[in-house]
């Protein structure tokens, strides 16, 4: 994404075409990482304890183990290693 010189794109298969070309930024922060929606068409969200919280465009959302990240109609589970 522009403005994030250290960012590297990770392509995802998307037959349903619900993902934007540059959908979501994932970046490390103290104590874990955060997600930032890049103004995607179909939105992003964080699901925690069964409740989804919208990830507004440009607004960082802290993520922790056990959460689920939603990008369009795709989801990714967050696990601690």
N, C-alpha and C. Protein backbone atom coordinates (compact mmCIF):
# COMPACT_ATOMS: atom_id res chain seq x y z
N UNK A 1 0.82 -1.21 0.00
CA UNK A 1 0.00 0.00 0.00
C UNK A 1 0.86 1.26 0.00
N UNK A 2 0.41 2.25 -0.70
CA UNK A 2 1.17 3.49 -0.72
C UNK A 2 1.23 4.08 0.69
N UNK A 3 2.35 4.68 0.99
CA UNK A 3 2.53 5.26 2.32
C UNK A 3 3.06 4.26 3.34
N UNK A 4 3.25 3.02 2.94
CA UNK A 4 3.77 1.97 3.83
C UNK A 4 4.93 1.28 3.11
N UNK A 5 6.09 1.93 3.13
CA UNK A 5 7.24 1.49 2.35
C UNK A 5 7.71 0.08 2.67
N UNK A 6 7.54 -0.37 3.91
CA UNK A 6 8.01 -1.70 4.30
C UNK A 6 6.98 -2.79 4.05
N UNK A 7 5.79 -2.43 3.59
CA UNK A 7 4.72 -3.41 3.39
C UNK A 7 5.02 -4.31 2.20
N UNK A 8 4.60 -5.57 2.31
CA UNK A 8 4.73 -6.53 1.22
C UNK A 8 3.35 -7.12 0.94
N UNK A 9 2.93 -7.13 -0.31
CA UNK A 9 1.62 -7.69 -0.64
C UNK A 9 1.61 -9.21 -0.48
N UNK A 10 0.50 -9.73 -0.01
CA UNK A 10 0.29 -11.17 0.07
C UNK A 10 -0.96 -11.47 -0.74
N UNK A 11 -0.79 -12.06 -1.92
CA UNK A 11 -1.96 -12.35 -2.76
C UNK A 11 -2.80 -13.49 -2.16
N UNK A 12 -4.11 -13.34 -2.23
CA UNK A 12 -5.04 -14.35 -1.75
C UNK A 12 -5.97 -14.74 -2.89
N UNK A 13 -6.24 -16.03 -3.02
CA UNK A 13 -7.22 -16.49 -4.01
C UNK A 13 -8.59 -15.96 -3.62
N UNK A 14 -9.33 -15.46 -4.59
CA UNK A 14 -10.63 -14.86 -4.29
C UNK A 14 -11.59 -15.04 -5.44
N UNK A 15 -12.12 -16.25 -5.59
CA UNK A 15 -13.05 -16.54 -6.67
C UNK A 15 -14.33 -15.71 -6.56
N UNK A 16 -14.72 -15.33 -5.35
CA UNK A 16 -15.96 -14.56 -5.17
C UNK A 16 -15.75 -13.06 -5.44
N UNK A 17 -14.50 -12.65 -5.57
CA UNK A 17 -14.14 -11.25 -5.86
C UNK A 17 -14.65 -10.29 -4.78
N UNK A 18 -14.58 -10.71 -3.51
CA UNK A 18 -15.00 -9.85 -2.41
C UNK A 18 -13.85 -9.04 -1.82
N UNK A 19 -12.62 -9.34 -2.26
CA UNK A 19 -11.46 -8.63 -1.75
C UNK A 19 -11.07 -7.50 -2.70
N UNK A 20 -10.68 -6.39 -2.12
CA UNK A 20 -10.16 -5.28 -2.92
C UNK A 20 -8.70 -5.57 -3.26
N UNK A 21 -8.18 -4.89 -4.26
CA UNK A 21 -6.80 -5.10 -4.68
C UNK A 21 -5.84 -4.88 -3.52
N UNK A 22 -6.03 -3.83 -2.77
CA UNK A 22 -5.29 -3.59 -1.53
C UNK A 22 -6.34 -3.47 -0.44
N UNK A 23 -6.61 -4.56 0.25
CA UNK A 23 -7.75 -4.65 1.15
C UNK A 23 -7.41 -4.27 2.59
N UNK A 24 -6.34 -4.87 3.12
CA UNK A 24 -6.08 -4.79 4.56
C UNK A 24 -4.58 -4.73 4.81
N UNK A 25 -4.18 -3.89 5.75
CA UNK A 25 -2.79 -3.81 6.17
C UNK A 25 -2.69 -4.51 7.53
N UNK A 26 -1.71 -5.37 7.66
CA UNK A 26 -1.44 -6.04 8.94
C UNK A 26 -0.04 -5.58 9.35
N UNK A 27 0.07 -5.02 10.57
CA UNK A 27 1.38 -4.53 10.98
C UNK A 27 1.64 -4.86 12.45
N UNK A 28 2.92 -5.13 12.77
CA UNK A 28 3.27 -5.44 14.16
C UNK A 28 3.22 -4.20 15.03
N UNK A 29 2.78 -4.40 16.26
CA UNK A 29 2.78 -3.36 17.29
C UNK A 29 3.18 -4.03 18.60
N UNK A 30 3.47 -3.24 19.60
CA UNK A 30 3.82 -3.80 20.91
C UNK A 30 2.71 -4.71 21.39
N UNK A 31 3.04 -5.92 21.75
CA UNK A 31 2.05 -6.85 22.29
C UNK A 31 1.27 -7.62 21.24
N UNK A 32 1.67 -7.54 19.96
CA UNK A 32 0.97 -8.31 18.94
C UNK A 32 0.98 -7.62 17.59
N UNK A 33 -0.19 -7.47 17.00
CA UNK A 33 -0.30 -6.76 15.74
C UNK A 33 -1.66 -6.11 15.63
N UNK A 34 -1.78 -5.26 14.60
CA UNK A 34 -3.05 -4.59 14.35
C UNK A 34 -3.37 -4.67 12.87
N UNK A 35 -4.65 -4.50 12.57
CA UNK A 35 -5.11 -4.48 11.19
C UNK A 35 -5.65 -3.09 10.89
N UNK A 36 -5.53 -2.70 9.62
CA UNK A 36 -6.06 -1.43 9.17
C UNK A 36 -6.72 -1.66 7.81
N UNK A 37 -8.01 -1.43 7.71
CA UNK A 37 -8.70 -1.54 6.43
C UNK A 37 -8.20 -0.42 5.52
N UNK A 38 -7.90 -0.74 4.29
CA UNK A 38 -7.33 0.23 3.34
C UNK A 38 -8.40 0.86 2.46
N UNK A 39 -9.61 1.04 3.00
CA UNK A 39 -10.69 1.63 2.21
C UNK A 39 -11.31 0.63 1.26
N UNK A 40 -11.35 -0.62 1.66
CA UNK A 40 -11.86 -1.69 0.81
C UNK A 40 -13.35 -1.52 0.52
N UNK A 41 -13.77 -2.08 -0.59
CA UNK A 41 -15.17 -2.00 -1.00
C UNK A 41 -16.09 -2.81 -0.09
N UNK A 42 -15.67 -4.02 0.28
CA UNK A 42 -16.53 -4.92 1.06
C UNK A 42 -16.19 -4.97 2.54
N UNK A 43 -15.30 -4.11 2.98
CA UNK A 43 -15.03 -3.96 4.40
C UNK A 43 -14.23 -5.06 5.05
N UNK A 44 -13.84 -4.76 6.28
CA UNK A 44 -13.08 -5.68 7.12
C UNK A 44 -13.66 -5.61 8.52
N UNK A 45 -13.39 -6.64 9.30
CA UNK A 45 -13.87 -6.64 10.67
C UNK A 45 -13.04 -7.55 11.53
N UNK A 46 -13.23 -7.42 12.82
CA UNK A 46 -12.58 -8.26 13.80
C UNK A 46 -13.68 -8.96 14.58
N UNK A 47 -13.59 -10.28 14.63
CA UNK A 47 -14.57 -11.07 15.38
C UNK A 47 -13.89 -11.56 16.64
N UNK A 48 -14.46 -11.16 17.78
CA UNK A 48 -13.90 -11.52 19.10
C UNK A 48 -15.04 -12.00 19.97
N UNK A 49 -14.89 -13.19 20.51
CA UNK A 49 -15.92 -13.78 21.38
C UNK A 49 -17.29 -13.80 20.71
N UNK A 50 -17.30 -14.07 19.39
CA UNK A 50 -18.55 -14.20 18.66
C UNK A 50 -19.19 -12.89 18.22
N UNK A 51 -18.57 -11.76 18.53
CA UNK A 51 -19.12 -10.45 18.16
C UNK A 51 -18.19 -9.82 17.13
N UNK A 52 -18.78 -9.32 16.02
CA UNK A 52 -17.96 -8.66 15.01
C UNK A 52 -17.94 -7.16 15.23
N UNK A 53 -16.73 -6.62 15.17
CA UNK A 53 -16.49 -5.19 15.27
C UNK A 53 -15.97 -4.71 13.92
N UNK A 54 -16.57 -3.69 13.38
CA UNK A 54 -16.14 -3.17 12.08
C UNK A 54 -14.75 -2.56 12.20
N UNK A 55 -13.95 -2.76 11.17
CA UNK A 55 -12.65 -2.12 11.08
C UNK A 55 -12.80 -0.99 10.07
N UNK A 56 -13.04 0.21 10.56
CA UNK A 56 -13.24 1.36 9.70
C UNK A 56 -11.99 1.69 8.91
N UNK A 57 -12.16 2.19 7.71
CA UNK A 57 -11.03 2.52 6.84
C UNK A 57 -10.06 3.45 7.54
N UNK A 58 -8.79 3.04 7.56
CA UNK A 58 -7.74 3.86 8.14
C UNK A 58 -7.64 3.83 9.65
N UNK A 59 -8.51 3.09 10.32
CA UNK A 59 -8.52 3.06 11.79
C UNK A 59 -7.91 1.74 12.29
N UNK A 60 -6.78 1.81 13.00
CA UNK A 60 -6.13 0.59 13.50
C UNK A 60 -7.00 -0.15 14.51
N UNK A 61 -6.99 -1.48 14.41
CA UNK A 61 -7.71 -2.35 15.34
C UNK A 61 -6.71 -3.37 15.88
N UNK A 62 -6.52 -3.41 17.20
CA UNK A 62 -5.58 -4.36 17.82
C UNK A 62 -6.16 -5.77 17.75
N UNK A 63 -5.31 -6.72 17.41
CA UNK A 63 -5.71 -8.12 17.24
C UNK A 63 -4.97 -8.97 18.27
N UNK A 64 -5.64 -10.00 18.78
CA UNK A 64 -5.00 -10.91 19.73
C UNK A 64 -5.34 -12.35 19.37
N UNK A 65 -4.61 -13.28 19.97
CA UNK A 65 -4.87 -14.70 19.74
C UNK A 65 -6.31 -15.06 20.04
N UNK A 66 -6.91 -15.89 19.18
CA UNK A 66 -8.30 -16.29 19.36
C UNK A 66 -9.27 -15.45 18.55
N UNK A 67 -8.82 -14.30 18.05
CA UNK A 67 -9.67 -13.45 17.21
C UNK A 67 -9.78 -14.04 15.80
N UNK A 68 -10.75 -13.56 15.07
CA UNK A 68 -10.89 -13.87 13.65
C UNK A 68 -10.95 -12.56 12.89
N UNK A 69 -10.19 -12.48 11.81
CA UNK A 69 -10.18 -11.29 10.96
C UNK A 69 -11.06 -11.57 9.75
N UNK A 70 -11.98 -10.64 9.45
CA UNK A 70 -12.82 -10.78 8.26
C UNK A 70 -12.38 -9.76 7.23
N UNK A 71 -12.18 -10.25 6.01
CA UNK A 71 -11.84 -9.40 4.86
C UNK A 71 -12.84 -9.77 3.77
N UNK A 72 -13.76 -8.87 3.44
CA UNK A 72 -14.79 -9.23 2.48
C UNK A 72 -15.57 -10.43 2.99
N UNK A 73 -15.63 -11.51 2.19
CA UNK A 73 -16.29 -12.72 2.68
C UNK A 73 -15.29 -13.80 3.11
N UNK A 74 -14.05 -13.42 3.28
CA UNK A 74 -12.99 -14.34 3.74
C UNK A 74 -12.71 -14.09 5.22
N UNK A 75 -12.27 -15.14 5.92
CA UNK A 75 -11.88 -14.99 7.32
C UNK A 75 -10.52 -15.66 7.55
N UNK A 76 -9.82 -15.18 8.56
CA UNK A 76 -8.55 -15.75 8.98
C UNK A 76 -8.54 -15.83 10.49
N UNK A 77 -8.23 -16.99 11.02
CA UNK A 77 -8.13 -17.18 12.46
C UNK A 77 -6.76 -16.76 12.96
N UNK A 78 -6.72 -16.10 14.10
CA UNK A 78 -5.46 -15.66 14.69
C UNK A 78 -5.09 -16.66 15.78
N UNK A 79 -3.92 -17.25 15.63
CA UNK A 79 -3.43 -18.21 16.62
C UNK A 79 -2.10 -17.74 17.16
N UNK A 80 -1.83 -18.02 18.40
CA UNK A 80 -0.55 -17.69 19.02
C UNK A 80 0.39 -18.87 18.82
N UNK A 81 1.61 -18.56 18.46
CA UNK A 81 2.62 -19.62 18.29
C UNK A 81 3.51 -19.68 19.50
